[in-house]
Amino acid sequence: MSLAHVGHWYAELLYVAPVVLVAGWLALAGRREKRRGPAAGGGRDEHA
């Protein structure tokens, strides 16, 4: 079995990279929100 041509890998990377970046960003944001805890408000406006 041989590896695909580099052009094929590059084309696939163009589709996969944005998905991986967004998933990583959401995971990081979730961790930051958990670390802040309830004292930070969690992004909700309790006076509304």
C-alpha atoms as a PDB file:
ATOM      1  CA  MET A   1       0.000   0.000   0.000  1.00  0.00           C
ATOM      2  CA  SER A   2       1.427   3.371  -0.959  1.00  0.00           C
ATOM      3  CA  LEU A   3       0.754   6.795   0.450  1.00  0.00           C
ATOM      4  CA  ALA A   4      -1.436   9.201  -1.435  1.00  0.00           C
ATOM      5  CA  HIS A   5       0.021  12.003  -3.475  1.00  0.00           C
ATOM      6  CA  VAL A   6       0.896  15.094  -1.423  1.00  0.00           C
ATOM      7  CA  GLY A   7      -1.737  17.063  -3.331  1.00  0.00           C
ATOM      8  CA  HIS A   8      -4.439  14.743  -2.012  1.00  0.00           C
ATOM      9  CA  TRP A   9      -3.278  15.228   1.573  1.00  0.00           C
ATOM     10  CA  TYR A  10      -3.222  18.998   1.073  1.00  0.00           C
ATOM     11  CA  ALA A  11      -6.770  19.018  -0.313  1.00  0.00           C
ATOM     12  CA  GLU A  12      -8.037  16.942   2.626  1.00  0.00           C
ATOM     13  CA  LEU A  13      -6.240  19.202   5.084  1.00  0.00           C
ATOM     14  CA  LEU A  14      -8.115  22.201   3.696  1.00  0.00           C
ATOM     15  CA  TYR A  15     -11.383  20.542   4.677  1.00  0.00           C
ATOM     16  CA  VAL A  16     -10.297  19.103   8.029  1.00  0.00           C
ATOM     17  CA  ALA A  17      -8.234  21.985   9.446  1.00  0.00           C
ATOM     18  CA  PRO A  18     -11.127  24.447  10.036  1.00  0.00           C
ATOM     19  CA  VAL A  19     -13.162  21.753  11.780  1.00  0.00           C
ATOM     20  CA  VAL A  20     -10.246  20.855  14.048  1.00  0.00           C
ATOM     21  CA  LEU A  21      -9.571  24.514  14.827  1.00  0.00           C
ATOM     22  CA  VAL A  22     -13.195  25.265  15.746  1.00  0.00           C
ATOM     23  CA  ALA A  23     -13.473  22.108  17.870  1.00  0.00           C
ATOM     24  CA  GLY A  24     -10.249  23.011  19.676  1.00  0.00           C
ATOM     25  CA  TRP A  25     -11.414  26.571  20.252  1.00  0.00           C
ATOM     26  CA  LEU A  26     -14.722  25.372  21.724  1.00  0.00           C
ATOM     27  CA  ALA A  27     -12.940  22.876  23.968  1.00  0.00           C
ATOM     28  CA  LEU A  28     -10.570  25.573  25.215  1.00  0.00           C
ATOM     29  CA  ALA A  29     -13.423  28.007  25.842  1.00  0.00           C
ATOM     30  CA  GLY A  30     -15.300  25.317  27.783  1.00  0.00           C
ATOM     31  CA  ARG A  31     -12.297  24.658  29.996  1.00  0.00           C
ATOM     32  CA  ARG A  32     -11.834  28.353  30.678  1.00  0.00           C
ATOM     33  CA  GLU A  33     -15.499  28.720  31.602  1.00  0.00           C
ATOM     34  CA  LYS A  34     -15.323  25.757  33.988  1.00  0.00           C
ATOM     35  CA  ARG A  35     -12.196  27.172  35.607  1.00  0.00           C
ATOM     36  CA  ARG A  36     -13.863  30.539  36.275  1.00  0.00           C
ATOM     37  CA  GLY A  37     -16.683  28.927  38.215  1.00  0.00           C
ATOM     38  CA  PRO A  38     -20.046  30.352  39.218  1.00  0.00           C
ATOM     39  CA  ALA A  39     -18.579  33.560  40.694  1.00  0.00           C
ATOM     40  CA  ALA A  40     -17.888  34.877  37.185  1.00  0.00           C
ATOM     41  CA  GLY A  41     -21.570  34.735  36.282  1.00  0.00           C
ATOM     42  CA  GLY A  42     -21.223  32.171  33.516  1.00  0.00           C
ATOM     43  CA  GLY A  43     -22.193  34.741  30.888  1.00  0.00           C
ATOM     44  CA  ARG A  44     -25.794  35.008  32.111  1.00  0.00           C
ATOM     45  CA  ASP A  45     -27.371  38.276  33.132  1.00  0.00           C
ATOM     46  CA  GLU A  46     -29.189  37.564  36.392  1.00  0.00           C
ATOM     47  CA  HIS A  47     -30.853  41.000  36.505  1.00  0.00           C
ATOM     48  CA  ALA A  48     -32.859  40.520  33.309  1.00  0.00           C
END
